[in-house]
Amino acid sequence: MNGLMKMEKVMQGKKLTMKGNLASALYAAAALCLALPAGASAQTLTLKMAHIYAPGNIWYETAEAYAKAVEQKSGGKVKMQIAPSGTTGDWPASIEALKIGTNDIVLQSVGTLDRYGTVAGVEAYPYLVRDVEHFKRVYYGSTGMQLFDEIASKTKYRIVGAGYRGARHLSSNKPVHNLAELKGLKLRVPPLKMYRSTWEYLGGSPVPMGVAELFTSLQQGVVDGQENPLEVIEGQKYNEVQKYVVETGHVIGAMTFIFSDARFKALPADVQKMLKEEGERVMLEATDRMVALEGEIKKRLQAKGMQFIEVDTAPFRERLAPMAKDFPELADWVQKIQAVK
C-alpha cells in the first residue's frame, strides 16, 4: 500500500525539521505512533480496537469480521488487536482512551458521543428512524455522510459505518400497556441526556446508570425496568429478573466504529479509504444479520418465560412531540432525517 510504503521510508531515515509545517509534523507523529507499537514490524500498521461485547454476540463477531477484512484487504499490512468484553474498561472509558491513543477504534453506538457533542444524540432521538430500510437510506446516503462529518467537527471523533442494532424496547417487572401504567416506573437509562428526556416526557422515572450494575439493580428492585434492544436483553440475561417486554420500538439505533478524528486523518489516505469501505460493508452485513436475529431472539426469550406486550405507540409519539424544543440544536437534523424517503 502506497501510504504504508511512504511511512516506512520516513521511519528508515527521513526526519521532520522545525522548518516544516507544525500541523503536518504532529499528524505525521501520530501516524508513526499508530504504525509502530512496541515490537511491531516497520511494514505493519497495528490498530487497537476495544468493545464491551462477549463471544457469541453479534457485535463481537462484527469486530472480528472488520479485523479480518482489513487484514486481508491490506495483504497483512494493517492488522487489528481487539480487546473484547470490556477488558480495557467500559464504553465511556474506551472512548476516552481514543484521545490518548490507548485505543484506536471503539465499537459502540453513535449516540454514545452525545457527551462530546449534542449532534451525536440525534441517533437516539425517539421515533425518528422509521424502519430498517429508512435506516439504510439515512446512514448510507448523503444525509448520513453530512451527519458523520458534523459529528467529527463537533465531537472530534470520526465514525465509520452504521449497523442496525435492533429497536429499543422497554422491559419491566410489571406489565405496561399504556402511558398511564408507565407513570412513575423507575427505569434505568444510559447516562445520556436524550434517553433521560425521552422517559421523563413519557412519565417514567429514569435513573441514569452504567450497565455493569444494572442486573443487580433489577434483581434488588432498585429499578423496575430498563430499555434496550432484544439482543442486549438476552445477552445480559435480563429475562432472569424481568418478566415483560413492552414493544415500544422507540429508537432504531446505529452501532459504528469510532476513531479519533485527528488520528484517523493522520493515517495514509489509502488506509483511510480501506477502513471506511470495509467498515461500511461489515456494518451493512451486520444490519442484515440483526434483522433476522431479532425474530429468533424474541422466540428464545418467550421460551424462557418473558411475555411480550404490544402497545399503541401513537400516544407515545404524541407525548414526545414537545421534546423537540429541548434540543433546538438538533432541529435541522431531525428534519433532514425525517425527509429522507
Protein backbone atom coordinates (compact mmCIF):
# COMPACT_ATOMS: atom_id res chain seq x y z
CA MET A 1 0.00 0.00 0.00
CA ASN A 2 1.48 3.32 -1.11
CA GLY A 3 0.78 5.14 2.14
CA LEU A 4 2.43 2.49 4.28
CA MET A 5 5.46 2.32 1.97
CA LYS A 6 5.91 6.06 2.32
CA MET A 7 5.57 5.76 6.08
CA GLU A 8 8.26 3.07 6.13
CA LYS A 9 10.68 5.37 4.29
CA VAL A 10 10.04 8.05 6.88
CA MET A 11 10.86 5.58 9.64
CA GLN A 12 14.05 4.47 7.87
CA GLY A 13 15.68 7.86 7.81
CA LYS A 14 13.61 10.88 6.97
CA LYS A 15 13.45 13.41 9.82
CA LEU A 16 10.98 16.16 10.42
CA THR A 17 12.56 19.56 10.94
CA MET A 18 11.29 22.59 12.78
CA LYS A 19 11.05 24.35 9.41
CA GLY A 20 8.19 22.05 8.41
CA ASN A 21 4.59 22.82 8.95
CA LEU A 22 3.78 22.19 12.60
CA ALA A 23 0.39 20.61 11.95
CA SER A 24 1.89 18.22 9.39
CA ALA A 25 4.57 17.24 11.85
CA LEU A 26 2.02 16.49 14.54
CA TYR A 27 -0.11 14.40 12.20
CA ALA A 28 2.93 12.51 10.94
CA ALA A 29 4.00 11.82 14.51
CA ALA A 30 0.55 10.48 15.30
CA ALA A 31 0.72 8.23 12.25
CA LEU A 32 4.08 6.87 13.37
CA CYS A 33 2.66 6.10 16.81
CA LEU A 34 -0.23 4.25 15.19
CA ALA A 35 2.04 2.37 12.83
CA LEU A 36 4.70 1.24 15.22
CA PRO A 37 3.60 -0.16 18.56
CA ALA A 38 6.39 -1.77 20.52
CA GLY A 39 7.90 -4.73 18.70
CA ALA A 40 5.90 -4.29 15.51
CA SER A 41 7.33 -4.63 12.02
CA ALA A 42 8.06 -1.35 10.24
CA GLN A 43 5.79 -2.59 7.45
CA THR A 44 2.81 -3.31 9.68
CA LEU A 45 0.20 -0.89 10.93
CA THR A 46 -1.49 -2.27 14.06
CA LEU A 47 -4.70 -0.69 15.32
CA LYS A 48 -6.15 -1.43 18.76
CA MET A 49 -9.91 -1.92 18.97
CA ALA A 50 -11.96 -2.13 22.16
CA HIS A 51 -15.57 -3.10 22.80
CA ILE A 52 -17.76 -4.47 25.61
CA TYR A 53 -19.29 -7.47 23.83
CA ALA A 54 -18.70 -11.13 24.68
CA PRO A 55 -18.09 -14.09 22.36
CA GLY A 56 -21.28 -15.20 20.65
CA ASN A 57 -22.66 -11.65 20.47
CA ILE A 58 -23.28 -10.20 17.01
CA TRP A 59 -21.14 -7.12 17.73
CA TYR A 60 -18.26 -9.26 18.97
CA GLU A 61 -18.45 -11.08 15.64
CA THR A 62 -18.74 -7.81 13.72
CA ALA A 63 -15.50 -6.57 15.27
CA GLU A 64 -13.78 -9.83 14.31
CA ALA A 65 -15.13 -9.55 10.77
CA TYR A 66 -13.79 -5.99 10.45
CA ALA A 67 -10.35 -7.00 11.63
CA LYS A 68 -10.25 -9.97 9.25
CA ALA A 69 -11.46 -7.94 6.29
CA VAL A 70 -8.93 -5.15 6.84
CA GLU A 71 -6.03 -7.56 7.22
CA GLN A 72 -6.98 -9.44 4.07
CA LYS A 73 -7.63 -6.29 2.05
CA SER A 74 -4.27 -4.82 3.05
CA GLY A 75 -2.33 -8.01 2.43
CA GLY A 76 -1.42 -8.18 6.11
CA LYS A 77 -0.04 -4.64 6.26
CA VAL A 78 -2.86 -3.41 8.51
CA LYS A 79 -3.90 -5.51 11.50
CA MET A 80 -6.16 -5.05 14.50
CA GLN A 81 -5.69 -6.13 18.08
CA ILE A 82 -9.11 -6.50 19.70
CA ALA A 83 -9.79 -6.11 23.42
CA PRO A 84 -13.32 -7.55 23.82
CA SER A 85 -15.78 -7.90 26.69
CA GLY A 86 -14.80 -4.62 28.34
CA THR A 87 -11.36 -5.96 29.28
CA THR A 88 -9.87 -2.47 28.98
CA GLY A 89 -12.81 -0.63 30.53
CA ASP A 90 -16.47 0.19 29.93
CA TRP A 91 -17.52 2.09 26.81
CA PRO A 92 -17.06 5.62 28.26
CA ALA A 93 -13.51 4.75 29.34
CA SER A 94 -12.80 3.11 25.99
CA ILE A 95 -13.90 6.19 24.06
CA GLU A 96 -11.85 8.47 26.32
CA ALA A 97 -8.83 6.27 25.57
CA LEU A 98 -9.11 7.20 21.89
CA LYS A 99 -7.88 10.68 22.79
CA ILE A 100 -4.53 9.46 24.08
CA GLY A 101 -4.07 6.54 21.70
CA THR A 102 -4.58 3.72 24.18
CA ASN A 103 -7.33 2.69 21.76
CA ASP A 104 -7.52 3.39 18.04
CA ILE A 105 -11.06 2.10 17.43
CA VAL A 106 -14.08 1.57 19.65
CA LEU A 107 -17.18 -0.34 18.56
CA GLN A 108 -20.21 1.37 20.09
CA SER A 109 -23.38 3.28 19.18
CA VAL A 110 -23.31 6.70 17.54
CA GLY A 111 -25.25 8.21 20.45
CA THR A 112 -22.50 7.47 22.97
CA LEU A 113 -20.73 10.54 21.57
CA ASP A 114 -23.58 12.74 22.84
CA ARG A 115 -21.45 13.78 25.82
CA TYR A 116 -18.91 15.32 23.41
CA GLY A 117 -21.37 17.00 21.07
CA THR A 118 -25.16 17.01 21.18
CA VAL A 119 -25.40 16.39 17.44
CA ALA A 120 -24.50 12.73 18.06
CA GLY A 121 -27.57 12.43 20.27
CA VAL A 122 -29.81 12.53 17.20
CA GLU A 123 -29.14 8.79 16.81
CA ALA A 124 -31.23 8.19 19.93
CA TYR A 125 -33.98 10.69 19.08
CA PRO A 126 -37.26 8.81 19.65
CA TYR A 127 -39.33 7.63 16.71
CA LEU A 128 -37.03 9.36 14.21
CA VAL A 129 -35.84 6.46 12.04
CA ARG A 130 -38.93 4.68 10.76
CA ASP A 131 -37.67 1.20 9.87
CA VAL A 132 -34.61 -0.69 8.63
CA GLU A 133 -34.93 0.48 5.03
CA HIS A 134 -35.18 4.08 6.20
CA PHE A 135 -32.14 3.39 8.42
CA LYS A 136 -30.07 2.33 5.40
CA ARG A 137 -31.17 5.28 3.28
CA VAL A 138 -30.35 7.72 6.09
CA TYR A 139 -26.95 6.42 7.15
CA TYR A 140 -25.68 5.38 3.72
CA GLY A 141 -26.95 8.39 1.80
CA SER A 142 -25.86 12.00 1.58
CA THR A 143 -27.65 12.91 4.82
CA GLY A 144 -25.70 10.29 6.74
CA MET A 145 -22.37 11.39 5.29
CA GLN A 146 -23.10 15.01 6.22
CA LEU A 147 -24.11 13.91 9.72
CA PHE A 148 -20.88 11.96 10.18
CA ASP A 149 -18.82 15.00 9.14
CA GLU A 150 -20.78 17.21 11.54
CA ILE A 151 -20.23 14.75 14.37
CA ALA A 152 -16.50 14.70 13.64
CA SER A 153 -16.41 18.50 13.63
CA LYS A 154 -18.28 18.87 16.92
CA THR A 155 -17.01 15.86 18.90
CA LYS A 156 -13.53 15.31 17.37
CA TYR A 157 -14.45 11.67 16.81
CA ARG A 158 -14.77 10.10 13.37
CA ILE A 159 -17.39 7.38 12.92
CA VAL A 160 -17.27 4.75 10.19
CA GLY A 161 -20.26 2.70 9.10
CA ALA A 162 -23.66 2.21 10.72
CA GLY A 163 -25.11 -1.11 11.82
CA TYR A 164 -28.75 -1.56 12.80
CA ARG A 165 -28.62 -2.66 16.43
CA GLY A 166 -32.28 -3.57 16.77
CA ALA A 167 -35.20 -1.50 18.01
CA ARG A 168 -35.08 -0.48 21.66
CA HIS A 169 -37.92 -1.78 23.81
CA LEU A 170 -38.89 -1.38 27.45
CA SER A 171 -38.53 -4.37 29.76
CA SER A 172 -40.08 -4.35 33.23
CA ASN A 173 -41.18 -6.48 36.15
CA LYS A 174 -44.78 -5.31 35.79
CA PRO A 175 -47.00 -5.13 32.70
CA VAL A 176 -47.21 -1.81 30.86
CA HIS A 177 -49.96 -1.45 28.26
CA ASN A 178 -50.21 2.34 28.08
CA LEU A 179 -48.74 5.60 29.32
CA ALA A 180 -50.84 5.56 32.49
CA GLU A 181 -49.23 2.28 33.59
CA LEU A 182 -45.79 3.69 32.82
CA LYS A 183 -46.18 6.61 35.22
CA GLY A 184 -43.59 6.56 38.00
CA LEU A 185 -41.81 3.43 36.74
CA LYS A 186 -38.20 3.52 37.93
CA LEU A 187 -36.34 2.91 34.72
CA ARG A 188 -32.63 2.57 34.14
CA VAL A 189 -31.39 4.58 31.16
CA PRO A 190 -27.90 5.07 29.71
CA PRO A 191 -26.18 8.17 31.15
CA LEU A 192 -27.10 10.30 28.13
CA LYS A 193 -29.47 13.28 28.05
CA MET A 194 -31.57 12.02 25.13
CA TYR A 195 -32.63 8.82 26.89
CA ARG A 196 -33.33 10.57 30.17
CA SER A 197 -35.51 13.20 28.50
CA THR A 198 -37.41 10.61 26.49
CA TRP A 199 -38.63 8.73 29.54
CA GLU A 200 -39.28 11.86 31.59
CA TYR A 201 -41.68 13.01 28.88
CA LEU A 202 -43.33 9.59 28.84
CA GLY A 203 -43.99 9.79 32.58
CA GLY A 204 -41.42 7.34 33.87
CA SER A 205 -38.73 7.98 36.46
CA PRO A 206 -35.44 7.48 34.58
CA VAL A 207 -32.34 6.57 36.57
CA PRO A 208 -29.05 7.08 34.66
CA MET A 209 -26.83 4.09 35.40
CA GLY A 210 -23.94 2.13 33.91
CA VAL A 211 -24.74 -1.29 32.52
CA ALA A 212 -22.37 -3.09 34.89
CA GLU A 213 -24.66 -2.54 37.88
CA LEU A 214 -27.96 -2.97 36.06
CA PHE A 215 -28.63 -6.68 36.56
CA THR A 216 -28.18 -6.43 40.33
CA SER A 217 -30.27 -3.25 40.44
CA LEU A 218 -33.12 -5.03 38.63
CA GLN A 219 -32.76 -8.05 40.88
CA GLN A 220 -32.91 -5.99 44.06
CA GLY A 221 -35.69 -3.69 42.87
CA VAL A 222 -33.54 -0.57 42.82
CA VAL A 223 -35.09 -0.01 39.39
CA ASP A 224 -38.23 -1.58 37.95
CA GLY A 225 -37.19 -1.75 34.33
CA GLN A 226 -34.75 -0.80 31.61
CA GLU A 227 -34.78 -0.23 27.83
CA ASN A 228 -32.54 -1.87 25.24
CA PRO A 229 -32.58 -3.88 22.01
CA LEU A 230 -33.58 -7.54 22.37
CA GLU A 231 -30.02 -8.76 21.84
CA VAL A 232 -28.94 -6.86 24.95
CA ILE A 233 -31.87 -8.18 26.97
CA GLU A 234 -30.91 -11.72 26.02
CA GLY A 235 -27.15 -11.26 26.23
CA GLN A 236 -27.30 -9.72 29.70
CA LYS A 237 -29.88 -12.31 30.87
CA TYR A 238 -32.37 -9.66 31.94
CA ASN A 239 -35.06 -12.27 31.38
CA GLU A 240 -33.96 -13.72 34.74
CA VAL A 241 -35.01 -10.51 36.53
CA GLN A 242 -37.64 -9.11 34.16
CA LYS A 243 -40.93 -10.68 33.13
CA TYR A 244 -42.25 -8.33 30.43
CA VAL A 245 -41.01 -6.79 27.18
CA VAL A 246 -43.13 -3.81 26.16
CA GLU A 247 -42.68 -3.36 22.42
CA THR A 248 -42.26 0.39 22.32
CA GLY A 249 -39.70 0.34 19.49
CA HIS A 250 -38.89 3.92 20.46
CA VAL A 251 -35.39 4.07 18.97
CA ILE A 252 -33.84 2.41 15.94
CA GLY A 253 -30.21 2.96 16.77
CA ALA A 254 -26.90 2.61 14.97
CA MET A 255 -23.69 0.89 16.00
CA THR A 256 -20.49 2.22 14.48
CA PHE A 257 -16.69 2.14 14.55
CA ILE A 258 -15.40 5.21 16.40
CA PHE A 259 -11.95 6.76 15.77
CA SER A 260 -10.23 9.89 16.98
CA ASP A 261 -10.77 12.20 14.01
CA ALA A 262 -7.24 13.65 14.18
CA ARG A 263 -5.61 10.25 14.41
CA PHE A 264 -7.78 8.90 11.59
CA LYS A 265 -6.72 11.81 9.36
CA ALA A 266 -3.09 11.11 10.26
CA LEU A 267 -3.33 7.74 8.55
CA PRO A 268 -2.31 7.43 4.88
CA ALA A 269 -5.15 8.23 2.51
CA ASP A 270 -5.32 4.70 1.11
CA VAL A 271 -5.61 3.28 4.63
CA GLN A 272 -8.39 5.72 5.50
CA LYS A 273 -10.25 4.71 2.33
CA MET A 274 -9.91 1.00 3.12
CA LEU A 275 -11.01 1.40 6.75
CA LYS A 276 -14.07 3.34 5.63
CA GLU A 277 -15.07 0.98 2.84
CA GLU A 278 -14.60 -2.21 4.86
CA GLY A 279 -16.24 -0.68 7.94
CA GLU A 280 -19.34 0.25 5.95
CA ARG A 281 -19.51 -3.15 4.28
CA VAL A 282 -19.18 -5.04 7.57
CA MET A 283 -21.81 -2.87 9.28
CA LEU A 284 -24.27 -3.40 6.42
CA GLU A 285 -23.76 -7.14 6.74
CA ALA A 286 -24.38 -6.86 10.49
CA THR A 287 -27.57 -4.93 9.75
CA ASP A 288 -28.96 -7.76 7.65
CA ARG A 289 -27.94 -10.28 10.30
CA MET A 290 -29.64 -8.32 13.06
CA VAL A 291 -32.91 -8.10 11.13
CA ALA A 292 -33.05 -11.90 11.03
CA LEU A 293 -31.75 -12.25 14.57
CA GLU A 294 -34.44 -10.11 16.22
CA GLY A 295 -37.20 -12.61 15.47
CA GLU A 296 -35.09 -15.52 16.72
CA ILE A 297 -34.26 -13.72 19.97
CA LYS A 298 -37.91 -12.92 20.60
CA LYS A 299 -38.82 -16.60 20.31
CA ARG A 300 -36.00 -17.60 22.66
CA LEU A 301 -37.00 -15.02 25.26
CA GLN A 302 -40.62 -16.15 25.07
CA ALA A 303 -39.48 -19.73 25.57
CA LYS A 304 -37.69 -18.55 28.73
CA GLY A 305 -40.91 -17.07 30.10
CA MET A 306 -40.83 -13.45 29.02
CA GLN A 307 -44.17 -12.03 27.94
CA PHE A 308 -44.26 -9.55 25.04
CA ILE A 309 -46.81 -6.73 25.16
CA GLU A 310 -47.80 -4.85 22.01
CA VAL A 311 -48.65 -1.21 22.64
CA ASP A 312 -50.21 1.52 20.56
CA THR A 313 -47.22 3.81 20.00
CA ALA A 314 -49.30 6.76 18.74
CA PRO A 315 -49.84 8.18 22.28
CA PHE A 316 -46.12 7.72 22.96
CA ARG A 317 -45.21 9.70 19.85
CA GLU A 318 -47.73 12.40 20.72
CA ARG A 319 -46.41 12.73 24.27
CA LEU A 320 -42.85 13.06 22.96
CA ALA A 321 -43.61 15.74 20.35
CA PRO A 322 -42.86 18.70 22.68
CA MET A 323 -39.42 17.27 23.45
CA ALA A 324 -38.09 18.83 20.25
CA LYS A 325 -37.93 22.23 21.97
CA ASP A 326 -35.38 20.84 24.44
CA PHE A 327 -32.98 20.04 21.59
CA PRO A 328 -33.10 23.07 19.26
CA GLU A 329 -29.59 22.30 18.03
CA LEU A 330 -30.93 19.04 16.55
CA ALA A 331 -33.94 20.55 14.80
CA ASP A 332 -32.30 20.73 11.36
CA TRP A 333 -31.01 17.16 11.59
CA VAL A 334 -34.37 15.82 12.74
CA GLN A 335 -36.00 17.48 9.73
CA LYS A 336 -33.32 16.18 7.34
CA ILE A 337 -33.62 12.62 8.59
CA GLN A 338 -37.42 12.69 8.56
CA ALA A 339 -37.30 14.00 4.97
CA VAL A 340 -35.26 11.04 3.70
CA LYS A 341 -37.65 8.91 1.64
